[in-house]
Each structure stands twice: as C-alpha cells, then as structure tokens.
C-alpha atoms as a PDB file:
ATOM      1  CA  UNK A   1       0.238  -0.091  -0.550  1.00  0.00           C
ATOM      2  CA  UNK A   2       1.409   3.059  -1.363  1.00  0.00           C
ATOM      3  CA  UNK A   3      -0.955   5.602  -0.181  1.00  0.00           C
ATOM      4  CA  UNK A   4      -4.782   6.245   1.374  1.00  0.00           C
ATOM      5  CA  UNK A   5      -7.323   8.723   1.038  1.00  0.00           C
ATOM      6  CA  UNK A   6      -9.392   8.541   4.223  1.00  0.00           C
ATOM      7  CA  UNK A   7     -12.962   9.996   4.691  1.00  0.00           C
ATOM      8  CA  UNK A   8     -13.738   8.911   8.822  1.00  0.00           C
ATOM      9  CA  UNK A   9     -16.983   9.934  10.586  1.00  0.00           C
ATOM     10  CA  UNK A  10     -17.270   9.732  14.567  1.00  0.00           C
ATOM     11  CA  UNK A  11     -20.102   8.725  15.955  1.00  0.00           C
ATOM     12  CA  UNK A  12     -19.356   9.826  19.567  1.00  0.00           C
ATOM     13  CA  UNK A  13     -22.456   8.511  21.474  1.00  0.00           C
ATOM     14  CA  UNK A  14     -22.112   5.178  20.117  1.00  0.00           C
ATOM     15  CA  UNK A  15     -18.492   5.459  20.111  1.00  0.00           C
ATOM     16  CA  UNK A  16     -17.255   3.954  16.558  1.00  0.00           C
ATOM     17  CA  UNK A  17     -15.923   5.144  13.785  1.00  0.00           C
ATOM     18  CA  UNK A  18     -16.304   4.562   9.938  1.00  0.00           C
ATOM     19  CA  UNK A  19     -13.824   4.489   7.184  1.00  0.00           C
ATOM     20  CA  UNK A  20     -14.072   4.477   3.772  1.00  0.00           C
ATOM     21  CA  UNK A  21     -10.546   4.158   2.113  1.00  0.00           C
ATOM     22  CA  UNK A  22      -8.833   4.372  -1.047  1.00  0.00           C
ATOM     23  CA  UNK A  23      -6.011   2.832  -0.797  1.00  0.00           C
ATOM     24  CA  UNK A  24      -3.202   2.565  -3.817  1.00  0.00           C
ATOM     25  CA  UNK A  25      -1.664  -0.880  -3.903  1.00  0.00           C
ATOM     26  CA  UNK A  26       1.316  -1.981  -5.590  1.00  0.00           C
ATOM     27  CA  UNK A  27       1.835  -5.644  -6.836  1.00  0.00           C
ATOM     28  CA  UNK A  28       5.358  -6.300  -7.106  1.00  0.00           C
ATOM     29  CA  UNK A  29       4.648  -9.065  -9.872  1.00  0.00           C
ATOM     30  CA  UNK A  30       2.670 -11.382 -11.185  1.00  0.00           C
ATOM     31  CA  UNK A  31       3.178 -14.043  -9.415  1.00  0.00           C
ATOM     32  CA  UNK A  32       0.733 -11.539  -6.092  1.00  0.00           C
ATOM     33  CA  UNK A  33      -2.788 -13.541  -6.221  1.00  0.00           C
ATOM     34  CA  UNK A  34      -3.590 -11.778  -3.053  1.00  0.00           C
ATOM     35  CA  UNK A  35      -2.561  -9.328  -0.190  1.00  0.00           C
ATOM     36  CA  UNK A  36      -2.792 -10.138   3.926  1.00  0.00           C
ATOM     37  CA  UNK A  37      -3.251  -6.714   5.358  1.00  0.00           C
ATOM     38  CA  UNK A  38      -3.891  -5.524   9.042  1.00  0.00           C
ATOM     39  CA  UNK A  39      -5.606  -4.248  11.397  1.00  0.00           C
ATOM     40  CA  UNK A  40      -6.767  -4.149  14.883  1.00  0.00           C
ATOM     41  CA  UNK A  41      -9.510  -6.754  15.538  1.00  0.00           C
ATOM     42  CA  UNK A  42     -12.026  -4.081  16.784  1.00  0.00           C
ATOM     43  CA  UNK A  43     -11.935  -2.690  13.041  1.00  0.00           C
ATOM     44  CA  UNK A  44     -14.480  -4.420  10.403  1.00  0.00           C
ATOM     45  CA  UNK A  45     -14.434  -5.083   6.696  1.00  0.00           C
ATOM     46  CA  UNK A  46     -17.742  -4.225   5.007  1.00  0.00           C
ATOM     47  CA  UNK A  47     -16.703  -4.290   1.545  1.00  0.00           C
ATOM     48  CA  UNK A  48     -13.770  -3.803  -0.810  1.00  0.00           C
ATOM     49  CA  UNK A  49     -13.907  -2.804  -4.136  1.00  0.00           C
ATOM     50  CA  UNK A  50     -12.405  -1.969  -7.199  1.00  0.00           C
ATOM     51  CA  UNK A  51     -14.234   0.445  -9.783  1.00  0.00           C
ATOM     52  CA  UNK A  52     -17.428  -0.514  -8.477  1.00  0.00           C
ATOM     53  CA  UNK A  53     -16.799  -4.229  -8.240  1.00  0.00           C
ATOM     54  CA  UNK A  54     -16.820  -6.151  -5.138  1.00  0.00           C
ATOM     55  CA  UNK A  55     -13.455  -7.854  -3.941  1.00  0.00           C
ATOM     56  CA  UNK A  56     -13.395 -11.046  -2.750  1.00  0.00           C
ATOM     57  CA  UNK A  57     -11.855 -10.791   0.436  1.00  0.00           C
ATOM     58  CA  UNK A  58     -11.992 -12.858   4.003  1.00  0.00           C
ATOM     59  CA  UNK A  59     -11.021 -11.294   7.461  1.00  0.00           C
ATOM     60  CA  UNK A  60     -10.094 -13.561  10.842  1.00  0.00           C
ATOM     61  CA  UNK A  61      -9.838 -10.859  13.777  1.00  0.00           C
ATOM     62  CA  UNK A  62      -6.978  -8.468  12.124  1.00  0.00           C
ATOM     63  CA  UNK A  63      -5.990 -10.132   9.100  1.00  0.00           C
ATOM     64  CA  UNK A  64      -7.323  -9.655   6.247  1.00  0.00           C
ATOM     65  CA  UNK A  65      -6.772 -11.528   2.569  1.00  0.00           C
ATOM     66  CA  UNK A  66      -7.998  -9.319  -0.307  1.00  0.00           C
ATOM     67  CA  UNK A  67      -7.585 -10.676  -3.695  1.00  0.00           C
ATOM     68  CA  UNK A  68      -5.263  -9.013  -6.021  1.00  0.00           C
ATOM     69  CA  UNK A  69      -6.267  -6.836  -8.990  1.00  0.00           C
ATOM     70  CA  UNK A  70      -5.352  -9.359 -11.979  1.00  0.00           C
ATOM     71  CA  UNK A  71      -5.809  -6.418 -14.564  1.00  0.00           C
ATOM     72  CA  UNK A  72      -3.237  -3.569 -13.551  1.00  0.00           C
ATOM     73  CA  UNK A  73       0.582  -4.056 -11.148  1.00  0.00           C
ATOM     74  CA  UNK A  74      -0.882  -0.343  -9.526  1.00  0.00           C
ATOM     75  CA  UNK A  75      -4.638  -0.250  -8.666  1.00  0.00           C
ATOM     76  CA  UNK A  76      -6.665   1.529  -6.182  1.00  0.00           C
ATOM     77  CA  UNK A  77      -9.498  -0.507  -3.802  1.00  0.00           C
ATOM     78  CA  UNK A  78     -11.924   1.115  -2.005  1.00  0.00           C
ATOM     79  CA  UNK A  79     -12.001  -0.524   1.485  1.00  0.00           C
ATOM     80  CA  UNK A  80     -14.790   0.591   3.787  1.00  0.00           C
ATOM     81  CA  UNK A  81     -14.979  -0.546   7.519  1.00  0.00           C
ATOM     82  CA  UNK A  82     -15.781   0.197  10.857  1.00  0.00           C
ATOM     83  CA  UNK A  83     -15.277  -0.488  14.869  1.00  0.00           C
ATOM     84  CA  UNK A  84     -16.605   0.060  18.281  1.00  0.00           C
ATOM     85  CA  UNK A  85     -12.883   1.727  19.435  1.00  0.00           C
ATOM     86  CA  UNK A  86     -13.448   1.913  23.183  1.00  0.00           C
ATOM     87  CA  UNK A  87      -9.090   0.687  24.121  1.00  0.00           C
ATOM     88  CA  UNK A  88      -8.446   3.702  26.821  1.00  0.00           C
ATOM     89  CA  UNK A  89      -5.290   3.657  28.090  1.00  0.00           C
ATOM     90  CA  UNK A  90      -4.206   1.353  25.470  1.00  0.00           C
ATOM     91  CA  UNK A  91      -4.751   1.976  22.112  1.00  0.00           C
ATOM     92  CA  UNK A  92      -7.906   3.700  20.580  1.00  0.00           C
ATOM     93  CA  UNK A  93     -10.887   5.050  22.418  1.00  0.00           C
ATOM     94  CA  UNK A  94     -13.926   7.487  21.919  1.00  0.00           C
ATOM     95  CA  UNK A  95     -15.228   8.906  24.695  1.00  0.00           C
ATOM     96  CA  UNK A  96     -18.038  12.100  25.163  1.00  0.00           C
ATOM     97  CA  UNK A  97     -14.409  14.117  25.425  1.00  0.00           C
ATOM     98  CA  UNK A  98     -12.167  12.579  22.679  1.00  0.00           C
ATOM     99  CA  UNK A  99     -11.963  10.315  19.905  1.00  0.00           C
ATOM    100  CA  UNK A 100      -8.549   9.390  19.596  1.00  0.00           C
ATOM    101  CA  UNK A 101      -7.295   6.592  17.114  1.00  0.00           C
ATOM    102  CA  UNK A 102      -3.421   6.947  18.129  1.00  0.00           C
ATOM    103  CA  UNK A 103      -1.852   4.078  18.986  1.00  0.00           C
ATOM    104  CA  UNK A 104      -3.829   1.538  17.313  1.00  0.00           C
ATOM    105  CA  UNK A 105      -3.786   0.099  13.489  1.00  0.00           C
ATOM    106  CA  UNK A 106      -7.026   1.820  12.288  1.00  0.00           C
ATOM    107  CA  UNK A 107      -5.930   1.854   8.548  1.00  0.00           C
ATOM    108  CA  UNK A 108      -4.608  -1.186   6.845  1.00  0.00           C
ATOM    109  CA  UNK A 109      -1.072  -2.080   6.413  1.00  0.00           C
ATOM    110  CA  UNK A 110       0.965  -4.740   5.051  1.00  0.00           C
ATOM    111  CA  UNK A 111       4.612  -5.501   7.061  1.00  0.00           C
ATOM    112  CA  UNK A 112       4.245  -2.182   8.124  1.00  0.00           C
ATOM    113  CA  UNK A 113       5.397  -0.455   5.269  1.00  0.00           C
ATOM    114  CA  UNK A 114       5.208   3.548   5.267  1.00  0.00           C
ATOM    115  CA  UNK A 115       2.614   5.228   3.210  1.00  0.00           C
ATOM    116  CA  UNK A 116       1.411   9.170   2.662  1.00  0.00           C
ATOM    117  CA  UNK A 117      -2.089   9.935   3.284  1.00  0.00           C
ATOM    118  CA  UNK A 118      -4.704  12.443   2.886  1.00  0.00           C
ATOM    119  CA  UNK A 119      -7.659  12.194   5.593  1.00  0.00           C
ATOM    120  CA  UNK A 120     -11.402  14.051   5.520  1.00  0.00           C
ATOM    121  CA  UNK A 121     -12.388  13.813   9.335  1.00  0.00           C
ATOM    122  CA  UNK A 122     -16.173  14.513  10.240  1.00  0.00           C
ATOM    123  CA  UNK A 123     -16.083  15.277  13.633  1.00  0.00           C
ATOM    124  CA  UNK A 124     -18.509  16.588  16.211  1.00  0.00           C
ATOM    125  CA  UNK A 125     -19.346  20.650  15.796  1.00  0.00           C
ATOM    126  CA  UNK A 126     -16.877  22.615  17.616  1.00  0.00           C
ATOM    127  CA  UNK A 127     -14.350  19.870  17.673  1.00  0.00           C
ATOM    128  CA  UNK A 128     -10.535  19.977  16.824  1.00  0.00           C
ATOM    129  CA  UNK A 129      -8.970  17.452  14.696  1.00  0.00           C
ATOM    130  CA  UNK A 130      -5.657  16.798  14.494  1.00  0.00           C
ATOM    131  CA  UNK A 131      -3.030  14.248  12.637  1.00  0.00           C
ATOM    132  CA  UNK A 132       0.346  14.124  11.303  1.00  0.00           C
ATOM    133  CA  UNK A 133       0.848  16.556   8.411  1.00  0.00           C
ATOM    134  CA  UNK A 134      -0.681  19.440   6.580  1.00  0.00           C
ATOM    135  CA  UNK A 135      -3.785  21.229   7.705  1.00  0.00           C
ATOM    136  CA  UNK A 136      -5.636  22.071   4.322  1.00  0.00           C
ATOM    137  CA  UNK A 137      -8.696  23.233   5.348  1.00  0.00           C
ATOM    138  CA  UNK A 138     -11.549  22.848   7.983  1.00  0.00           C
ATOM    139  CA  UNK A 139     -15.442  23.775   7.563  1.00  0.00           C
ATOM    140  CA  UNK A 140     -17.524  24.279  10.443  1.00  0.00           C
ATOM    141  CA  UNK A 141     -20.708  22.892   8.993  1.00  0.00           C
ATOM    142  CA  UNK A 142     -24.611  23.102  10.857  1.00  0.00           C
ATOM    143  CA  UNK A 143     -23.919  19.860  12.852  1.00  0.00           C
ATOM    144  CA  UNK A 144     -20.259  18.943  12.196  1.00  0.00           C
ATOM    145  CA  UNK A 145     -16.569  19.975  11.780  1.00  0.00           C
ATOM    146  CA  UNK A 146     -14.904  18.805   8.600  1.00  0.00           C
ATOM    147  CA  UNK A 147     -11.104  19.052   8.746  1.00  0.00           C
ATOM    148  CA  UNK A 148      -8.382  17.955   6.274  1.00  0.00           C
ATOM    149  CA  UNK A 149      -4.906  17.026   6.297  1.00  0.00           C
ATOM    150  CA  UNK A 150      -2.312  15.625   3.876  1.00  0.00           C
ATOM    151  CA  UNK A 151       0.585  13.576   4.923  1.00  0.00           C
ATOM    152  CA  UNK A 152       3.044  13.683   1.721  1.00  0.00           C
ATOM    153  CA  UNK A 153       6.128  12.309   4.001  1.00  0.00           C
ATOM    154  CA  UNK A 154       5.309   8.216   3.784  1.00  0.00           C
ATOM    155  CA  UNK A 155       5.076   6.911   7.787  1.00  0.00           C
ATOM    156  CA  UNK A 156       4.431   3.906   9.283  1.00  0.00           C
ATOM    157  CA  UNK A 157       2.683   4.787  12.127  1.00  0.00           C
ATOM    158  CA  UNK A 158      -1.003   6.954  11.755  1.00  0.00           C
ATOM    159  CA  UNK A 159      -2.057   9.622  14.569  1.00  0.00           C
ATOM    160  CA  UNK A 160      -5.551  10.942  14.601  1.00  0.00           C
ATOM    161  CA  UNK A 161      -7.374  12.509  17.513  1.00  0.00           C
ATOM    162  CA  UNK A 162     -10.257  14.892  17.766  1.00  0.00           C
ATOM    163  CA  UNK A 163     -11.760  16.725  20.787  1.00  0.00           C
ATOM    164  CA  UNK A 164     -12.642  20.158  21.963  1.00  0.00           C
ATOM    165  CA  UNK A 165      -8.929  20.771  22.413  1.00  0.00           C
ATOM    166  CA  UNK A 166      -7.778  24.053  23.491  1.00  0.00           C
ATOM    167  CA  UNK A 167      -4.748  25.263  21.011  1.00  0.00           C
ATOM    168  CA  UNK A 168      -2.014  27.332  21.340  1.00  0.00           C
ATOM    169  CA  UNK A 169       0.131  28.148  17.943  1.00  0.00           C
ATOM    170  CA  UNK A 170       2.748  30.490  17.326  1.00  0.00           C
ATOM    171  CA  UNK A 171       5.560  31.432  14.608  1.00  0.00           C
ATOM    172  CA  UNK A 172       9.430  31.107  15.595  1.00  0.00           C
ATOM    173  CA  UNK A 173      11.777  31.522  12.915  1.00  0.00           C
ATOM    174  CA  UNK A 174       9.817  30.794   9.531  1.00  0.00           C
ATOM    175  CA  UNK A 175       7.862  27.918  11.814  1.00  0.00           C
ATOM    176  CA  UNK A 176       4.468  26.680  13.023  1.00  0.00           C
ATOM    177  CA  UNK A 177       4.556  25.359  16.718  1.00  0.00           C
ATOM    178  CA  UNK A 178       0.869  23.952  17.709  1.00  0.00           C
ATOM    179  CA  UNK A 179      -0.242  22.182  20.744  1.00  0.00           C
ATOM    180  CA  UNK A 180      -3.653  20.978  21.394  1.00  0.00           C
ATOM    181  CA  UNK A 181      -4.531  19.777  24.776  1.00  0.00           C
ATOM    182  CA  UNK A 182      -7.879  19.274  26.689  1.00  0.00           C
ATOM    183  CA  UNK A 183      -6.729  20.686  30.129  1.00  0.00           C
ATOM    184  CA  UNK A 184      -3.908  23.333  28.913  1.00  0.00           C
ATOM    185  CA  UNK A 185      -4.387  26.701  30.811  1.00  0.00           C
ATOM    186  CA  UNK A 186      -4.869  29.977  29.657  1.00  0.00           C
END
C-alpha cells in the first residue's frame, strides 16, 4: 500500500468510527494473487471494491486477505470498514470528551511499510481534529466540523485525534509550532 485517501466519521455517542479508504496498491509481480493486510481486530471490513466491483476477501480478527487485481500492477481498492473504538489507556478510544485513533492500527497496512495519506475527518461541531501532515482546510458545517490533512511524507504509524481541544500556536523563526490539549490553562 503506497497511499491512503481516508474519509472518517466519528459517532461519539456510540463510540464508533466509520472509514472509507481509497488505498493505492502496487503488486510487486504477477505471481501475487492476494494481499494480507493487518488491522486492529476491532475493525470490521464491510466491503472492498475496485471500480465499483466487489473484491473477494476474508477477515479473521485483524488479518484480512484480499484478492489482488488481475489487471494492473497498480490499482486502488475502496475499503469500507468500521469499529467500536473503546480501548482507553491502551489504544484507540472514543468518549464524550475525545476521539483518538492513536496507538491503534485503524488503517490497513502490509508489513508495516510506510505510506502517505490524505484524511477528511468528520468530527462533532466545535471539535478540533489533529493528524500528521499539513492542515489543508477545516469547515464548520451545521452539524459537524470537517477537517482535512495531507501527509505527503510516507510514515509507518498514523495518529489522528479529535476533541474540543484548547489550541496554542506560535511562529518561531518562520516555523509554526502548535499544541492541543484538553487541560491546557489559558
């Protein structure tokens, strides 16, 4: 997997996240007939499609086997999945105060190889979403806040959180530094 294009929706009352990932794959050679991907076991795949057609897959816990595209060396699967995220103090968790996917394999990965990503994050109105990469935009919509990040540097572990954070930013010698906290004082 070389890149991801995520569309994430948090449902805070139900402690769930729903994700659609347009994941770009490269098949190393024509002998590869399937991919083994890893997720945290709480994430359940609803579908994998290629150009609107269903791709056969099997999931056992956090391991997913999906057929490789027989047509191209490079292709993009649309992977739709969701989870109840409730592992506070261990991995990802969603509460009425914060949604964090940090310390969790909330995205498909193969052999912990790095990848780039773009993320659209749908969070509750007034919440700040933070992720690696550059902030592309945020919009306050009638019922939610939509935030987008672009991470152009391939990384292995993806971090993403949202909450009604207090934010402080300062530019020092041409570089912006920011901090987000639930408990930061004025």
